C-alpha cells in the first residue's frame, strides 16, 4: 500500500511546483530546505511531508520523461 497524504500536503506541493518548477529536484534534503525558505509551515512534520511529496512528484515526472525519450 502507498502512503496516505492529506489534501493540504498535496495541494500545497502542487502549487509550489507550479510556482517554482526549477527550484525543486528529486533530492529530499534539497527540497526540504527550499520549502523552508519559500513557505512558512506551522510544524516541521508538515514541512517534511510537503517536501517528500514534491520529491515524489518530481521523481515521477523524471521517470515519465525518460520513458518518452526513446520512442
PDB file of N, CA and C in Angstrom:
ATOM      1  N   UNK A   1       0.827  -1.175   0.000  1.00  0.00           N
ATOM      2  CA  UNK A   1       0.000   0.000   0.000  1.00  0.00           C
ATOM      3  C   UNK A   1       0.874   1.242   0.000  1.00  0.00           C
ATOM      4  N   UNK A   2       0.349   2.291  -0.567  1.00  0.00           N
ATOM      5  CA  UNK A   2       1.088   3.543  -0.614  1.00  0.00           C
ATOM      6  C   UNK A   2       0.802   4.411   0.594  1.00  0.00           C
ATOM      7  N   UNK A   3       1.482   5.516   0.646  1.00  0.00           N
ATOM      8  CA  UNK A   3       1.281   6.450   1.752  1.00  0.00           C
ATOM      9  C   UNK A   3       0.013   7.270   1.523  1.00  0.00           C
ATOM     10  N   UNK A   4      -0.678   7.546   2.601  1.00  0.00           N
ATOM     11  CA  UNK A   4      -1.861   8.384   2.546  1.00  0.00           C
ATOM     12  C   UNK A   4      -1.456   9.784   2.980  1.00  0.00           C
ATOM     13  N   UNK A   5      -1.683  10.757   2.110  1.00  0.00           N
ATOM     14  CA  UNK A   5      -1.321  12.135   2.422  1.00  0.00           C
ATOM     15  C   UNK A   5      -2.580  12.990   2.458  1.00  0.00           C
ATOM     16  N   UNK A   6      -2.610  13.936   3.385  1.00  0.00           N
ATOM     17  CA  UNK A   6      -3.768  14.810   3.478  1.00  0.00           C
ATOM     18  C   UNK A   6      -3.778  15.762   2.277  1.00  0.00           C
ATOM     19  N   UNK A   7      -4.951  16.235   1.960  1.00  0.00           N
ATOM     20  CA  UNK A   7      -5.100  17.076   0.765  1.00  0.00           C
ATOM     21  C   UNK A   7      -4.347  18.388   0.887  1.00  0.00           C
ATOM     22  N   UNK A   8      -4.149  18.887   2.108  1.00  0.00           N
ATOM     23  CA  UNK A   8      -3.371  20.109   2.303  1.00  0.00           C
ATOM     24  C   UNK A   8      -1.940  19.926   1.787  1.00  0.00           C
ATOM     25  N   UNK A   9      -1.342  18.783   2.063  1.00  0.00           N
ATOM     26  CA  UNK A   9       0.022  18.492   1.612  1.00  0.00           C
ATOM     27  C   UNK A   9       0.059  18.429   0.088  1.00  0.00           C
ATOM     28  N   UNK A  10      -0.873  17.711  -0.497  1.00  0.00           N
ATOM     29  CA  UNK A  10      -0.903  17.559  -1.950  1.00  0.00           C
ATOM     30  C   UNK A  10      -1.151  18.890  -2.651  1.00  0.00           C
ATOM     31  N   UNK A  11      -2.119  19.628  -2.178  1.00  0.00           N
ATOM     32  CA  UNK A  11      -2.474  20.910  -2.785  1.00  0.00           C
ATOM     33  C   UNK A  11      -1.306  21.895  -2.704  1.00  0.00           C
ATOM     34  N   UNK A  12      -0.679  21.979  -1.542  1.00  0.00           N
ATOM     35  CA  UNK A  12       0.436  22.896  -1.346  1.00  0.00           C
ATOM     36  C   UNK A  12       1.635  22.495  -2.197  1.00  0.00           C
ATOM     37  N   UNK A  13       1.927  21.211  -2.253  1.00  0.00           N
ATOM     38  CA  UNK A  13       3.064  20.731  -3.047  1.00  0.00           C
ATOM     39  C   UNK A  13       2.857  21.025  -4.527  1.00  0.00           C
ATOM     40  N   UNK A  14       1.669  20.760  -5.036  1.00  0.00           N
ATOM     41  CA  UNK A  14       1.394  21.031  -6.456  1.00  0.00           C
ATOM     42  C   UNK A  14       1.482  22.521  -6.758  1.00  0.00           C
ATOM     43  N   UNK A  15       1.002  23.350  -5.838  1.00  0.00           N
ATOM     44  CA  UNK A  15       1.055  24.796  -6.046  1.00  0.00           C
ATOM     45  C   UNK A  15       2.504  25.286  -6.050  1.00  0.00           C
ATOM     46  N   UNK A  16       3.313  24.799  -5.119  1.00  0.00           N
ATOM     47  CA  UNK A  16       4.720  25.184  -5.089  1.00  0.00           C
ATOM     48  C   UNK A  16       5.452  24.733  -6.349  1.00  0.00           C
ATOM     49  N   UNK A  17       5.137  23.533  -6.822  1.00  0.00           N
ATOM     50  CA  UNK A  17       5.764  23.046  -8.054  1.00  0.00           C
ATOM     51  C   UNK A  17       5.351  23.892  -9.255  1.00  0.00           C
ATOM     52  N   UNK A  18       4.128  24.353  -9.264  1.00  0.00           N
ATOM     53  CA  UNK A  18       3.667  25.189 -10.365  1.00  0.00           C
ATOM     54  C   UNK A  18       4.319  26.575 -10.319  1.00  0.00           C
ATOM     55  N   UNK A  19       4.506  27.116  -9.113  1.00  0.00           N
ATOM     56  CA  UNK A  19       5.093  28.445  -8.976  1.00  0.00           C
ATOM     57  C   UNK A  19       6.606  28.438  -9.163  1.00  0.00           C
ATOM     58  N   UNK A  20       7.278  27.396  -8.657  1.00  0.00           N
ATOM     59  CA  UNK A  20       8.738  27.331  -8.689  1.00  0.00           C
ATOM     60  C   UNK A  20       9.209  25.994  -9.258  1.00  0.00           C
ATOM     61  N   UNK A  21       8.957  25.723 -10.538  1.00  0.00           N
ATOM     62  CA  UNK A  21       9.299  24.402 -11.079  1.00  0.00           C
ATOM     63  C   UNK A  21      10.805  24.137 -11.150  1.00  0.00           C
ATOM     64  N   UNK A  22      11.614  25.180 -11.293  1.00  0.00           N
ATOM     65  CA  UNK A  22      13.049  24.974 -11.442  1.00  0.00           C
ATOM     66  C   UNK A  22      13.797  24.889 -10.108  1.00  0.00           C
ATOM     67  N   UNK A  23      13.145  25.157  -8.988  1.00  0.00           N
ATOM     68  CA  UNK A  23      13.811  25.111  -7.683  1.00  0.00           C
ATOM     69  C   UNK A  23      13.895  23.703  -7.106  1.00  0.00           C
ATOM     70  N   UNK A  24      12.988  22.821  -7.503  1.00  0.00           N
ATOM     71  CA  UNK A  24      12.897  21.511  -6.862  1.00  0.00           C
ATOM     72  C   UNK A  24      13.577  20.425  -7.688  1.00  0.00           C
ATOM     73  N   UNK A  25      14.169  19.450  -6.971  1.00  0.00           N
ATOM     74  CA  UNK A  25      14.831  18.317  -7.606  1.00  0.00           C
ATOM     75  C   UNK A  25      14.263  17.030  -7.021  1.00  0.00           C
ATOM     76  N   UNK A  26      14.891  15.901  -7.353  1.00  0.00           N
ATOM     77  CA  UNK A  26      14.434  14.638  -6.770  1.00  0.00           C
ATOM     78  C   UNK A  26      15.221  14.289  -5.501  1.00  0.00           C
ATOM     79  N   UNK A  27      15.844  15.297  -4.880  1.00  0.00           N
ATOM     80  CA  UNK A  27      16.572  15.126  -3.632  1.00  0.00           C
ATOM     81  C   UNK A  27      15.747  15.710  -2.482  1.00  0.00           C
ATOM     82  N   UNK A  28      15.383  14.861  -1.534  1.00  0.00           N
ATOM     83  CA  UNK A  28      14.517  15.287  -0.431  1.00  0.00           C
ATOM     84  C   UNK A  28      15.155  16.390   0.417  1.00  0.00           C
ATOM     85  N   UNK A  29      16.426  16.242   0.760  1.00  0.00           N
ATOM     86  CA  UNK A  29      17.090  17.225   1.619  1.00  0.00           C
ATOM     87  C   UNK A  29      17.106  18.607   0.971  1.00  0.00           C
ATOM     88  N   UNK A  30      17.366  18.655  -0.318  1.00  0.00           N
ATOM     89  CA  UNK A  30      17.355  19.932  -1.042  1.00  0.00           C
ATOM     90  C   UNK A  30      15.948  20.535  -1.033  1.00  0.00           C
ATOM     91  N   UNK A  31      14.950  19.712  -1.323  1.00  0.00           N
ATOM     92  CA  UNK A  31      13.569  20.184  -1.360  1.00  0.00           C
ATOM     93  C   UNK A  31      13.103  20.669   0.011  1.00  0.00           C
ATOM     94  N   UNK A  32      13.572  20.010   1.058  1.00  0.00           N
ATOM     95  CA  UNK A  32      13.207  20.410   2.413  1.00  0.00           C
ATOM     96  C   UNK A  32      13.711  21.824   2.709  1.00  0.00           C
ATOM     97  N   UNK A  33      14.931  22.119   2.300  1.00  0.00           N
ATOM     98  CA  UNK A  33      15.492  23.451   2.509  1.00  0.00           C
ATOM     99  C   UNK A  33      14.759  24.504   1.672  1.00  0.00           C
ATOM    100  N   UNK A  34      14.392  24.154   0.440  1.00  0.00           N
ATOM    101  CA  UNK A  34      13.667  25.093  -0.420  1.00  0.00           C
ATOM    102  C   UNK A  34      12.294  25.389   0.170  1.00  0.00           C
ATOM    103  N   UNK A  35      11.595  24.367   0.640  1.00  0.00           N
ATOM    104  CA  UNK A  35      10.274  24.565   1.244  1.00  0.00           C
ATOM    105  C   UNK A  35      10.408  25.441   2.490  1.00  0.00           C
ATOM    106  N   UNK A  36      11.476  25.235   3.261  1.00  0.00           N
ATOM    107  CA  UNK A  36      11.690  26.043   4.464  1.00  0.00           C
ATOM    108  C   UNK A  36      11.858  27.527   4.110  1.00  0.00           C
ATOM    109  N   UNK A  37      12.535  27.811   2.994  1.00  0.00           N
ATOM    110  CA  UNK A  37      12.768  29.194   2.589  1.00  0.00           C
ATOM    111  C   UNK A  37      11.540  29.826   1.945  1.00  0.00           C
ATOM    112  N   UNK A  38      10.778  29.050   1.195  1.00  0.00           N
ATOM    113  CA  UNK A  38       9.668  29.587   0.401  1.00  0.00           C
ATOM    114  C   UNK A  38       8.376  29.675   1.198  1.00  0.00           C
ATOM    115  N   UNK A  39       8.170  28.784   2.150  1.00  0.00           N
ATOM    116  CA  UNK A  39       6.881  28.634   2.803  1.00  0.00           C
ATOM    117  C   UNK A  39       7.042  28.666   4.323  1.00  0.00           C
ATOM    118  N   UNK A  40       6.109  29.293   4.986  1.00  0.00           N
ATOM    119  CA  UNK A  40       6.078  29.276   6.447  1.00  0.00           C
ATOM    120  C   UNK A  40       5.117  28.159   6.869  1.00  0.00           C
ATOM    121  N   UNK A  41       5.663  27.119   7.480  1.00  0.00           N
ATOM    122  CA  UNK A  41       4.833  25.994   7.909  1.00  0.00           C
ATOM    123  C   UNK A  41       4.708  25.995   9.425  1.00  0.00           C
ATOM    124  N   UNK A  42       3.559  25.579   9.936  1.00  0.00           N
ATOM    125  CA  UNK A  42       3.367  25.573  11.383  1.00  0.00           C
ATOM    126  C   UNK A  42       4.169  24.485  12.098  1.00  0.00           C
ATOM    127  N   UNK A  43       4.630  23.455  11.370  1.00  0.00           N
ATOM    128  CA  UNK A  43       5.373  22.387  12.036  1.00  0.00           C
ATOM    129  C   UNK A  43       6.415  21.789  11.085  1.00  0.00           C
ATOM    130  N   UNK A  44       7.400  21.177  11.684  1.00  0.00           N
ATOM    131  CA  UNK A  44       8.452  20.520  10.922  1.00  0.00           C
ATOM    132  C   UNK A  44       7.884  19.302  10.176  1.00  0.00           C
ATOM    133  N   UNK A  45       6.968  18.598  10.797  1.00  0.00           N
ATOM    134  CA  UNK A  45       6.373  17.416  10.187  1.00  0.00           C
ATOM    135  C   UNK A  45       5.639  17.781   8.899  1.00  0.00           C
ATOM    136  N   UNK A  46       4.868  18.844   8.922  1.00  0.00           N
ATOM    137  CA  UNK A  46       4.138  19.279   7.739  1.00  0.00           C
ATOM    138  C   UNK A  46       5.106  19.689   6.635  1.00  0.00           C
ATOM    139  N   UNK A  47       6.147  20.430   6.997  1.00  0.00           N
ATOM    140  CA  UNK A  47       7.155  20.834   6.006  1.00  0.00           C
ATOM    141  C   UNK A  47       7.797  19.609   5.353  1.00  0.00           C
ATOM    142  N   UNK A  48       8.137  18.614   6.164  1.00  0.00           N
ATOM    143  CA  UNK A  48       8.756  17.402   5.625  1.00  0.00           C
ATOM    144  C   UNK A  48       7.802  16.619   4.745  1.00  0.00           C
ATOM    145  N   UNK A  49       6.523  16.599   5.096  1.00  0.00           N
ATOM    146  CA  UNK A  49       5.541  15.908   4.264  1.00  0.00           C
ATOM    147  C   UNK A  49       5.406  16.588   2.910  1.00  0.00           C
ATOM    148  N   UNK A  50       5.376  17.910   2.895  1.00  0.00           N
ATOM    149  CA  UNK A  50       5.279  18.654   1.639  1.00  0.00           C
ATOM    150  C   UNK A  50       6.523  18.410   0.788  1.00  0.00           C
ATOM    151  N   UNK A  51       7.686  18.488   1.407  1.00  0.00           N
ATOM    152  CA  UNK A  51       8.942  18.258   0.676  1.00  0.00           C
ATOM    153  C   UNK A  51       9.003  16.837   0.134  1.00  0.00           C
ATOM    154  N   UNK A  52       8.531  15.881   0.905  1.00  0.00           N
ATOM    155  CA  UNK A  52       8.518  14.485   0.454  1.00  0.00           C
ATOM    156  C   UNK A  52       7.591  14.274  -0.726  1.00  0.00           C
ATOM    157  N   UNK A  53       6.439  14.897  -0.692  1.00  0.00           N
ATOM    158  CA  UNK A  53       5.500  14.749  -1.804  1.00  0.00           C
ATOM    159  C   UNK A  53       6.028  15.441  -3.055  1.00  0.00           C
ATOM    160  N   UNK A  54       6.681  16.586  -2.891  1.00  0.00           N
ATOM    161  CA  UNK A  54       7.297  17.257  -4.043  1.00  0.00           C
ATOM    162  C   UNK A  54       8.378  16.365  -4.635  1.00  0.00           C
ATOM    163  N   UNK A  55       9.186  15.744  -3.789  1.00  0.00           N
ATOM    164  CA  UNK A  55      10.224  14.827  -4.262  1.00  0.00           C
ATOM    165  C   UNK A  55       9.602  13.683  -5.047  1.00  0.00           C
ATOM    166  N   UNK A  56       8.513  13.162  -4.551  1.00  0.00           N
ATOM    167  CA  UNK A  56       7.796  12.075  -5.224  1.00  0.00           C
ATOM    168  C   UNK A  56       7.289  12.526  -6.597  1.00  0.00           C
ATOM    169  N   UNK A  57       6.683  13.713  -6.663  1.00  0.00           N
ATOM    170  CA  UNK A  57       6.147  14.215  -7.927  1.00  0.00           C
ATOM    171  C   UNK A  57       7.256  14.480  -8.949  1.00  0.00           C
ATOM    172  N   UNK A  58       8.374  15.037  -8.489  1.00  0.00           N
ATOM    173  CA  UNK A  58       9.492  15.315  -9.395  1.00  0.00           C
ATOM    174  C   UNK A  58      10.078  14.006  -9.926  1.00  0.00           C
ATOM    175  N   UNK A  59      10.201  13.009  -9.067  1.00  0.00           N
ATOM    176  CA  UNK A  59      10.730  11.718  -9.493  1.00  0.00           C
ATOM    177  C   UNK A  59       9.795  11.060 -10.511  1.00  0.00           C
ATOM    178  N   UNK A  60       8.489  11.164 -10.293  1.00  0.00           N
ATOM    179  CA  UNK A  60       7.533  10.602 -11.257  1.00  0.00           C
ATOM    180  C   UNK A  60       7.637  11.292 -12.609  1.00  0.00           C
ATOM    181  N   UNK A  61       7.758  12.608 -12.586  1.00  0.00           N
ATOM    182  CA  UNK A  61       7.879  13.373 -13.830  1.00  0.00           C
ATOM    183  C   UNK A  61       9.175  13.010 -14.561  1.00  0.00           C
ATOM    184  N   UNK A  62      10.239  12.858 -13.814  1.00  0.00           N
ATOM    185  CA  UNK A  62      11.531  12.482 -14.401  1.00  0.00           C
ATOM    186  C   UNK A  62      11.444  11.097 -15.049  1.00  0.00           C
ATOM    187  N   UNK A  63      10.780  10.172 -14.361  1.00  0.00           N
ATOM    188  CA  UNK A  63      10.612   8.817 -14.884  1.00  0.00           C
ATOM    189  C   UNK A  63       9.756   8.836 -16.151  1.00  0.00           C
ATOM    190  N   UNK A  64       8.689   9.651 -16.134  1.00  0.00           N
ATOM    191  CA  UNK A  64       7.804   9.733 -17.282  1.00  0.00           C
ATOM    192  C   UNK A  64       8.551  10.287 -18.504  1.00  0.00           C
ATOM    193  N   UNK A  65       9.375  11.309 -18.282  1.00  0.00           N
ATOM    194  CA  UNK A  65      10.146  11.897 -19.382  1.00  0.00           C
ATOM    195  C   UNK A  65      11.152  10.910 -19.952  1.00  0.00           C
ATOM    196  N   UNK A  66      11.800  10.122 -19.083  1.00  0.00           N
ATOM    197  CA  UNK A  66      12.797   9.166 -19.558  1.00  0.00           C
ATOM    198  C   UNK A  66      12.150   8.049 -20.377  1.00  0.00           C
ATOM    199  N   UNK A  67      10.911   7.709 -20.073  1.00  0.00           N
ATOM    200  CA  UNK A  67      10.217   6.684 -20.838  1.00  0.00           C
ATOM    201  C   UNK A  67       9.747   7.206 -22.181  1.00  0.00           C
ATOM    202  N   UNK A  68       9.508   8.510 -22.291  1.00  0.00           N
ATOM    203  CA  UNK A  68       9.068   9.085 -23.563  1.00  0.00           C
ATOM    204  C   UNK A  68      10.222   9.303 -24.529  1.00  0.00           C
ATOM    205  N   UNK A  69      11.427   9.508 -24.038  1.00  0.00           N
ATOM    206  CA  UNK A  69      12.578   9.831 -24.870  1.00  0.00           C
ATOM    207  C   UNK A  69      12.888   8.785 -25.945  1.00  0.00           C
ATOM    208  N   UNK A  70      13.030   7.485 -25.615  1.00  0.00           N
ATOM    209  CA  UNK A  70      13.423   6.513 -26.643  1.00  0.00           C
ATOM    210  C   UNK A  70      12.426   6.344 -27.783  1.00  0.00           C
ATOM    211  N   UNK A  71      11.197   6.655 -27.559  1.00  0.00           N
ATOM    212  CA  UNK A  71      10.157   6.402 -28.563  1.00  0.00           C
ATOM    213  C   UNK A  71      10.249   7.278 -29.767  1.00  0.00           C
TER     214      UNK A  71
END
